[in-house]
Amino acid sequence: MLSAAARLSAALAVTLALSAVLALRAGPAAAANGDVSHFTLENGLELVVIEDHRAPMVHHMVWYRVGAADEPPGRSGIAHFLEHLMFKGTDEVGPAEFSRLVAATGGSDNAFTSYDYTAYFQRVPADALDLVMRLEADRMRDLRLDPKDVVTERDVILSERGQRIENDPAALLREEAGAAFWRNHPYGVPVIGWRHEVARLTREDALAFYRRFYAPNNAIVVVSGDVSPERALELARKWYGPLAPTPGLGPRLRPQEPPHRAEMRVSLADARVGSPWVSLRWLAPVRRPGDQRKAAALVLAAELLGGSQQTSVLGRDLVLGKRKLLDVQAWADVLSLDPSQFGIFALP
C-alpha cells in the first residue's frame, strides 16, 4: 500500500524501529546506552519506547511476527491481502475511517508486508498517541470484513501485481530468480503472491490468518518520539492490555534451505529492456542476535565491493577506471529472520 514517498518514510521508520529492537536483543548494556525502554504486558505484547523530544511528534508502529514466509501452502499473498483488509473497519470504526481519523490530527499512516513481518504505522502529533493506540488495539482483535470489500480488495491486489510485477521486466526477472534461488524456503514465493493463488483467496482465508496471528502475544509495539516510557506504557496498558492473546501460537517453524552446491542461471529476454543487466547471488548465513560479527562482515564487504561508485573496489575499477560498466552495486540482506542473500548487480 506504499507510494514511493511513503516507502521512503517507512524505510526511515523501519530503520529506527529495527535499531531499537536489535539493541534490546543485543543485551541490557546495549539498550542502556540509548533512550530505549522495553516492556512486556501480561498478555504477551512487547512495547519498545524510543525517546526523542526534539519535535512534538511520535511514530507509533505495530509489528506482527508474521509475514509472507509464514503463509500456509497454496495461500500465497494472504499476509499482504490481510494488510489491505485491515483498513476495512471494525465494530467501532467504519471503512476508511481509520486513516481519516489519523489525517484529522495532521498525521499520516500506512502499512507494509515483508517476508518476516507485517507492520502498521502512524506519524502523529504527540498528543494523538492515545488515539492511534486505541485505533490499532481495536483492529487487532475486532476486524470486520464485508464480503463485497474482500472481492474488491482482491481485485485491487491483482491489478497491483499486474502493474508492479507483470508489466516490469526487471521485477519479473527478480521474481523468477527468487523462485529458482530458494529451493525449499518460502522466501522463494513473492510477497504479493502468485496470481493464480491470489485469485482464489477468500474472506475465510483472511479471517483464519487474522485470528491466528493478529494477537497481542504476537505483536511488538514501537513508539518513538516526544513521549516518556511511563506515558507510553500507561497508554499501552489502557488499550492493548485488555486484549486476549492467542493460545498455543507456538514457534515460527519454516522449511529451511539446503546447501547450494551447484550453479543456477536464470535469464529473461524482453523487448522492453533497453540495457541488459546481471545479478549474482549467494546464500548468506542467518544473523544471530547477540553475535553480529558475520552480519557486520557481510555489510562491510558489500560496502567495500560496491557501496559507492566513487569509493568501492568494483566502482572505481569497472565504472570509473576501465569504463566497462555503467553501474555496479553490492548488497547484503542481514536483517531477515532466516538465512538470506549476498548479491552483486552490474549494468554494462
Protein backbone atom coordinates (compact mmCIF):
# COMPACT_ATOMS: atom_id res chain seq x y z
CA MET A 1 0.00 0.00 0.00
CA LEU A 2 3.03 2.27 -0.04
CA SER A 3 3.69 5.05 -2.54
CA ALA A 4 7.30 5.98 -3.36
CA ALA A 5 7.27 8.82 -0.82
CA ALA A 6 5.60 6.63 1.76
CA ARG A 7 8.14 3.87 1.16
CA LEU A 8 10.93 6.33 1.98
CA SER A 9 9.17 7.43 5.16
CA ALA A 10 8.53 3.80 6.06
CA ALA A 11 12.14 2.89 5.45
CA LEU A 12 13.31 5.56 7.88
CA ALA A 13 10.80 4.46 10.48
CA VAL A 14 11.70 0.80 9.98
CA THR A 15 15.40 1.53 10.35
CA LEU A 16 14.78 3.34 13.62
CA ALA A 17 12.49 0.65 14.95
CA LEU A 18 14.79 -2.20 13.96
CA SER A 19 17.75 -0.43 15.51
CA ALA A 20 15.91 -0.23 18.80
CA VAL A 21 14.77 -3.85 18.78
CA LEU A 22 18.22 -5.10 17.75
CA ALA A 23 19.82 -3.07 20.51
CA LEU A 24 17.50 -4.61 23.06
CA ARG A 25 18.15 -8.14 21.82
CA ALA A 26 21.89 -7.50 21.92
CA GLY A 27 21.57 -7.23 25.71
CA PRO A 28 20.78 -4.82 28.53
CA ALA A 29 24.07 -2.96 28.16
CA ALA A 30 23.34 -2.07 24.55
CA ALA A 31 19.85 -0.85 25.39
CA ALA A 32 21.11 1.20 28.32
CA ASN A 33 23.39 3.25 26.07
CA GLY A 34 20.39 4.95 24.39
CA ASP A 35 16.98 6.27 25.42
CA VAL A 36 15.31 2.92 24.71
CA SER A 37 12.92 1.15 27.09
CA HIS A 38 11.37 -2.29 26.78
CA PHE A 39 8.26 -3.67 28.48
CA THR A 40 6.12 -6.81 28.19
CA LEU A 41 2.43 -6.71 29.11
CA GLU A 42 0.69 -9.59 30.85
CA ASN A 43 -0.95 -10.69 27.58
CA GLY A 44 2.47 -11.02 25.92
CA LEU A 45 2.54 -7.79 23.92
CA GLU A 46 6.00 -6.19 23.78
CA LEU A 47 6.43 -2.43 23.95
CA VAL A 48 9.58 -0.61 22.85
CA VAL A 49 9.85 3.13 23.58
CA ILE A 50 12.48 5.36 21.98
CA GLU A 51 12.55 8.86 23.49
CA ASP A 52 13.28 11.78 21.17
CA HIS A 53 11.96 15.15 22.32
CA ARG A 54 13.34 17.31 19.50
CA ALA A 55 9.87 17.71 17.94
CA PRO A 56 6.35 17.27 19.37
CA MET A 57 5.67 14.21 17.19
CA VAL A 58 5.56 10.44 17.69
CA HIS A 59 5.84 7.41 15.45
CA HIS A 60 3.64 4.51 16.51
CA MET A 61 4.23 1.12 14.89
CA VAL A 62 2.67 -2.30 15.42
CA TRP A 63 4.85 -5.15 14.18
CA TYR A 64 3.25 -8.57 13.85
CA ARG A 65 5.57 -11.56 13.86
CA VAL A 66 4.09 -12.93 10.65
CA GLY A 67 4.86 -12.31 7.01
CA ALA A 68 4.72 -13.87 3.59
CA ALA A 69 7.11 -16.66 4.61
CA ASP A 70 4.60 -17.84 7.25
CA GLU A 71 1.70 -18.38 4.85
CA PRO A 72 0.07 -21.80 4.51
CA PRO A 73 0.81 -23.67 1.25
CA GLY A 74 -1.46 -22.66 -1.60
CA ARG A 75 -2.38 -19.35 0.06
CA SER A 76 0.45 -17.14 -1.17
CA GLY A 77 -0.26 -13.43 -0.80
CA ILE A 78 -2.60 -13.86 2.18
CA ALA A 79 -0.35 -11.80 4.51
CA HIS A 80 -0.32 -8.88 2.06
CA PHE A 81 -4.04 -9.35 1.33
CA LEU A 82 -4.86 -9.11 5.03
CA GLU A 83 -2.74 -5.97 5.33
CA HIS A 84 -5.08 -4.31 2.81
CA LEU A 85 -8.19 -5.64 4.55
CA MET A 86 -7.08 -4.25 7.93
CA PHE A 87 -8.31 -0.83 6.76
CA LYS A 88 -11.88 -2.07 6.15
CA GLY A 89 -13.15 -1.30 9.62
CA THR A 90 -14.31 -2.73 12.94
CA ASP A 91 -17.48 -2.51 15.02
CA GLU A 92 -16.27 0.86 16.28
CA VAL A 93 -14.51 2.31 13.22
CA GLY A 94 -16.02 2.26 9.73
CA PRO A 95 -14.25 1.51 6.43
CA ALA A 96 -11.56 4.12 5.60
CA GLU A 97 -12.34 5.85 8.91
CA PHE A 98 -9.02 4.79 10.46
CA SER A 99 -6.93 6.83 8.03
CA ARG A 100 -9.39 9.73 8.12
CA LEU A 101 -9.10 10.00 11.90
CA VAL A 102 -5.30 9.92 11.71
CA ALA A 103 -5.26 12.56 8.96
CA ALA A 104 -7.56 14.80 11.02
CA THR A 105 -4.76 15.11 13.60
CA GLY A 106 -2.36 16.28 10.88
CA GLY A 107 -0.73 12.86 10.83
CA SER A 108 -0.22 10.09 8.30
CA ASP A 109 -0.46 6.30 8.33
CA ASN A 110 0.35 3.28 6.19
CA ALA A 111 1.41 -0.36 6.34
CA PHE A 112 3.73 -2.86 4.68
CA THR A 113 4.24 -6.59 4.42
CA SER A 114 7.61 -8.34 4.24
CA TYR A 115 8.62 -11.98 4.35
CA ASP A 116 9.14 -11.88 8.11
CA TYR A 117 6.85 -9.16 9.49
CA THR A 118 3.73 -7.16 8.79
CA ALA A 119 3.72 -3.63 10.21
CA TYR A 120 1.28 -0.75 10.57
CA PHE A 121 2.48 2.74 11.44
CA GLN A 122 1.34 6.28 12.11
CA ARG A 123 3.19 9.57 12.42
CA VAL A 124 1.11 11.96 14.50
CA PRO A 125 1.39 14.85 16.97
CA ALA A 126 2.44 13.62 20.39
CA ASP A 127 -0.97 14.30 21.91
CA ALA A 128 -2.59 11.92 19.37
CA LEU A 129 -0.75 8.85 20.65
CA ASP A 130 -3.77 7.89 22.74
CA LEU A 131 -5.93 7.94 19.60
CA VAL A 132 -3.71 5.79 17.41
CA MET A 133 -3.16 3.24 20.18
CA ARG A 134 -6.93 2.98 20.57
CA LEU A 135 -7.41 2.52 16.82
CA GLU A 136 -4.69 -0.12 16.46
CA ALA A 137 -5.81 -2.05 19.53
CA ASP A 138 -9.36 -2.00 18.20
CA ARG A 139 -8.47 -3.59 14.86
CA MET A 140 -6.01 -6.07 16.41
CA ARG A 141 -8.91 -8.22 17.58
CA ASP A 142 -12.14 -6.75 16.14
CA LEU A 143 -11.73 -6.65 12.34
CA ARG A 144 -15.00 -6.87 10.40
CA LEU A 145 -14.96 -7.88 6.74
CA ASP A 146 -17.81 -7.29 4.32
CA PRO A 147 -17.71 -9.99 1.58
CA LYS A 148 -18.01 -7.27 -1.09
CA ASP A 149 -14.95 -5.45 0.30
CA VAL A 150 -12.95 -8.69 0.19
CA VAL A 151 -13.69 -9.26 -3.51
CA THR A 152 -12.96 -5.63 -4.36
CA GLU A 153 -9.66 -5.61 -2.48
CA ARG A 154 -8.58 -8.89 -4.05
CA ASP A 155 -9.11 -7.32 -7.47
CA VAL A 156 -7.04 -4.32 -6.35
CA ILE A 157 -4.15 -6.63 -5.44
CA LEU A 158 -4.37 -8.50 -8.74
CA SER A 159 -4.21 -5.14 -10.51
CA GLU A 160 -1.26 -4.13 -8.31
CA ARG A 161 0.53 -7.34 -9.24
CA GLY A 162 -0.06 -6.65 -12.93
CA GLN A 163 1.34 -3.13 -12.67
CA ARG A 164 4.29 -3.76 -10.35
CA ILE A 165 5.38 -7.24 -11.44
CA GLU A 166 3.94 -8.47 -14.70
CA ASN A 167 4.45 -5.20 -16.60
CA ASP A 168 8.00 -4.72 -15.31
CA PRO A 169 10.66 -6.99 -16.87
CA ALA A 170 13.12 -6.31 -14.03
CA ALA A 171 10.51 -7.30 -11.44
CA LEU A 172 9.63 -10.42 -13.42
CA LEU A 173 13.28 -11.46 -13.51
CA ARG A 174 13.70 -10.84 -9.78
CA GLU A 175 10.63 -12.96 -9.12
CA GLU A 176 11.88 -15.80 -11.32
CA ALA A 177 15.37 -15.61 -9.84
CA GLY A 178 13.98 -15.68 -6.31
CA ALA A 179 11.87 -18.75 -7.06
CA ALA A 180 14.92 -20.51 -8.52
CA PHE A 181 17.33 -19.43 -5.78
CA TRP A 182 15.20 -20.57 -2.86
CA ARG A 183 14.74 -24.29 -3.49
CA ASN A 184 12.93 -25.09 -0.26
CA HIS A 185 12.47 -21.92 1.80
CA PRO A 186 9.27 -19.83 1.37
CA TYR A 187 11.42 -16.76 0.61
CA GLY A 188 11.09 -18.03 -2.98
CA VAL A 189 7.38 -17.16 -3.05
CA PRO A 190 6.68 -13.48 -3.86
CA VAL A 191 5.26 -11.38 -1.02
CA ILE A 192 2.40 -10.25 -3.24
CA GLY A 193 1.65 -13.90 -4.05
CA TRP A 194 1.31 -15.92 -7.23
CA ARG A 195 -1.54 -14.65 -9.39
CA HIS A 196 -3.43 -17.95 -9.58
CA GLU A 197 -3.37 -18.34 -5.79
CA VAL A 198 -4.26 -14.72 -5.00
CA ALA A 199 -7.28 -15.03 -7.31
CA ARG A 200 -8.63 -17.83 -5.08
CA LEU A 201 -8.14 -16.14 -1.70
CA THR A 202 -11.37 -15.85 0.29
CA ARG A 203 -12.79 -13.97 3.23
CA GLU A 204 -12.47 -17.17 5.30
CA ASP A 205 -8.76 -17.44 4.40
CA ALA A 206 -8.16 -13.88 5.55
CA LEU A 207 -10.07 -14.27 8.81
CA ALA A 208 -8.34 -17.57 9.68
CA PHE A 209 -4.93 -15.94 9.16
CA TYR A 210 -6.02 -12.86 11.13
CA ARG A 211 -7.41 -14.78 14.10
CA ARG A 212 -4.28 -16.88 14.44
CA PHE A 213 -1.55 -14.28 14.03
CA TYR A 214 -3.01 -10.86 14.91
CA ALA A 215 -2.81 -11.04 18.68
CA PRO A 216 -1.02 -9.15 21.46
CA ASN A 217 1.32 -12.08 22.15
CA ASN A 218 2.44 -11.96 18.51
CA ALA A 219 3.00 -8.20 18.34
CA ILE A 220 5.68 -5.64 19.11
CA VAL A 221 4.56 -2.02 19.52
CA VAL A 222 7.29 0.53 18.88
CA VAL A 223 6.74 4.14 19.94
CA SER A 224 9.39 6.73 19.14
CA GLY A 225 9.41 10.47 19.60
CA ASP A 226 8.17 13.00 22.11
CA VAL A 227 6.87 10.63 24.77
CA SER A 228 8.13 9.26 28.07
CA PRO A 229 8.33 5.50 28.67
CA GLU A 230 5.91 5.86 31.56
CA ARG A 231 3.27 7.56 29.43
CA ALA A 232 3.66 5.08 26.57
CA LEU A 233 3.36 2.16 28.99
CA GLU A 234 0.28 3.71 30.60
CA LEU A 235 -1.46 4.01 27.22
CA ALA A 236 -0.36 0.56 26.10
CA ARG A 237 -1.83 -0.99 29.24
CA LYS A 238 -5.03 1.01 28.74
CA TRP A 239 -5.66 -0.04 25.13
CA TYR A 240 -3.64 -3.18 24.40
CA GLY A 241 -3.70 -4.63 27.91
CA PRO A 242 -7.31 -5.93 27.86
CA LEU A 243 -6.83 -7.85 24.58
CA ALA A 244 -6.83 -11.64 24.82
CA PRO A 245 -3.77 -13.49 23.50
CA THR A 246 -3.89 -16.33 21.00
CA PRO A 247 -3.34 -19.61 22.90
CA GLY A 248 -0.88 -22.16 21.57
CA LEU A 249 0.67 -19.85 18.99
CA GLY A 250 3.94 -21.78 19.07
CA PRO A 251 7.30 -21.05 17.45
CA ARG A 252 7.72 -19.97 13.84
CA LEU A 253 8.66 -23.19 12.03
CA ARG A 254 9.55 -22.83 8.36
CA PRO A 255 11.11 -25.17 5.78
CA GLN A 256 14.82 -24.37 5.71
CA GLU A 257 17.15 -24.04 2.75
CA PRO A 258 19.58 -26.88 1.94
CA PRO A 259 23.20 -26.10 0.99
CA HIS A 260 23.67 -24.72 -2.52
CA ARG A 261 26.25 -26.91 -4.26
CA ALA A 262 25.59 -26.19 -7.92
CA GLU A 263 25.45 -23.07 -10.04
CA MET A 264 22.00 -21.87 -11.12
CA ARG A 265 21.30 -19.50 -14.00
CA VAL A 266 18.09 -17.64 -14.79
CA SER A 267 17.72 -15.42 -17.87
CA LEU A 268 14.84 -13.40 -19.22
CA ALA A 269 14.68 -11.70 -22.63
CA ASP A 270 12.19 -8.87 -23.09
CA ALA A 271 11.91 -6.37 -25.94
CA ARG A 272 11.06 -3.60 -23.46
CA VAL A 273 14.53 -3.73 -21.91
CA GLY A 274 16.96 -1.21 -23.39
CA SER A 275 20.05 -2.23 -21.43
CA PRO A 276 20.85 -5.72 -20.14
CA TRP A 277 21.95 -6.27 -16.56
CA VAL A 278 23.21 -9.13 -14.47
CA SER A 279 22.81 -10.00 -10.80
CA LEU A 280 24.83 -12.55 -8.82
CA ARG A 281 23.53 -14.00 -5.56
CA TRP A 282 24.96 -16.19 -2.83
CA LEU A 283 23.31 -17.78 0.18
CA ALA A 284 24.29 -15.79 3.28
CA PRO A 285 24.26 -17.01 6.90
CA VAL A 286 21.44 -16.09 9.23
CA ARG A 287 22.01 -13.13 11.50
CA ARG A 288 22.36 -14.20 15.13
CA PRO A 289 21.10 -11.80 17.82
CA GLY A 290 23.95 -11.11 20.21
CA ASP A 291 26.63 -12.09 17.67
CA GLN A 292 26.82 -9.52 14.91
CA ARG A 293 30.26 -10.37 13.52
CA LYS A 294 29.19 -12.29 10.41
CA ALA A 295 26.41 -9.84 9.60
CA ALA A 296 28.75 -6.89 10.10
CA ALA A 297 31.39 -8.54 7.91
CA LEU A 298 28.88 -9.02 5.09
CA VAL A 299 27.71 -5.41 5.29
CA LEU A 300 31.32 -4.20 5.28
CA ALA A 301 32.16 -6.46 2.33
CA ALA A 302 29.20 -5.10 0.36
CA GLU A 303 30.28 -1.52 1.04
CA LEU A 304 33.88 -2.24 0.04
CA LEU A 305 32.90 -4.06 -3.14
CA GLY A 306 30.05 -1.94 -4.43
CA GLY A 307 28.74 0.53 -1.89
CA SER A 308 29.67 3.57 -3.95
CA GLN A 309 30.96 4.03 -7.48
CA GLN A 310 33.40 6.66 -6.22
CA THR A 311 34.94 4.69 -3.36
CA SER A 312 34.21 0.95 -3.79
CA VAL A 313 36.60 -1.54 -5.37
CA LEU A 314 34.29 -2.51 -8.22
CA GLY A 315 33.03 1.03 -8.79
CA ARG A 316 36.48 2.57 -9.12
CA ASP A 317 37.81 -0.27 -11.26
CA LEU A 318 34.94 -1.15 -13.61
CA VAL A 319 32.89 2.07 -13.75
CA LEU A 320 35.34 4.95 -13.30
CA GLY A 321 38.54 3.17 -14.37
CA LYS A 322 38.07 0.65 -17.17
CA ARG A 323 34.59 2.02 -18.00
CA LYS A 324 33.21 -1.45 -18.66
CA LEU A 325 30.10 -0.89 -16.55
CA LEU A 326 27.62 1.95 -16.20
CA ASP A 327 26.71 0.89 -12.67
CA VAL A 328 27.71 -1.73 -10.11
CA GLN A 329 26.32 -2.35 -6.64
CA ALA A 330 26.78 -4.89 -3.87
CA TRP A 331 24.34 -5.62 -1.09
CA ALA A 332 23.86 -7.81 1.96
CA ASP A 333 20.45 -8.65 3.41
CA VAL A 334 21.30 -9.26 7.06
CA LEU A 335 18.01 -8.38 8.77
CA SER A 336 15.92 -11.34 7.64
CA LEU A 337 14.76 -13.94 10.14
CA ASP A 338 16.29 -16.87 8.24
CA PRO A 339 19.40 -17.19 6.03
CA SER A 340 19.34 -14.58 3.28
CA GLN A 341 21.43 -13.35 0.37
CA PHE A 342 24.60 -11.51 -0.59
CA GLY A 343 24.47 -10.05 -4.05
CA ILE A 344 26.19 -8.02 -6.76
CA PHE A 345 24.38 -6.09 -9.52
CA ALA A 346 26.09 -4.92 -12.71
CA LEU A 347 24.82 -2.81 -15.61
CA PRO A 348 27.13 -2.99 -18.68
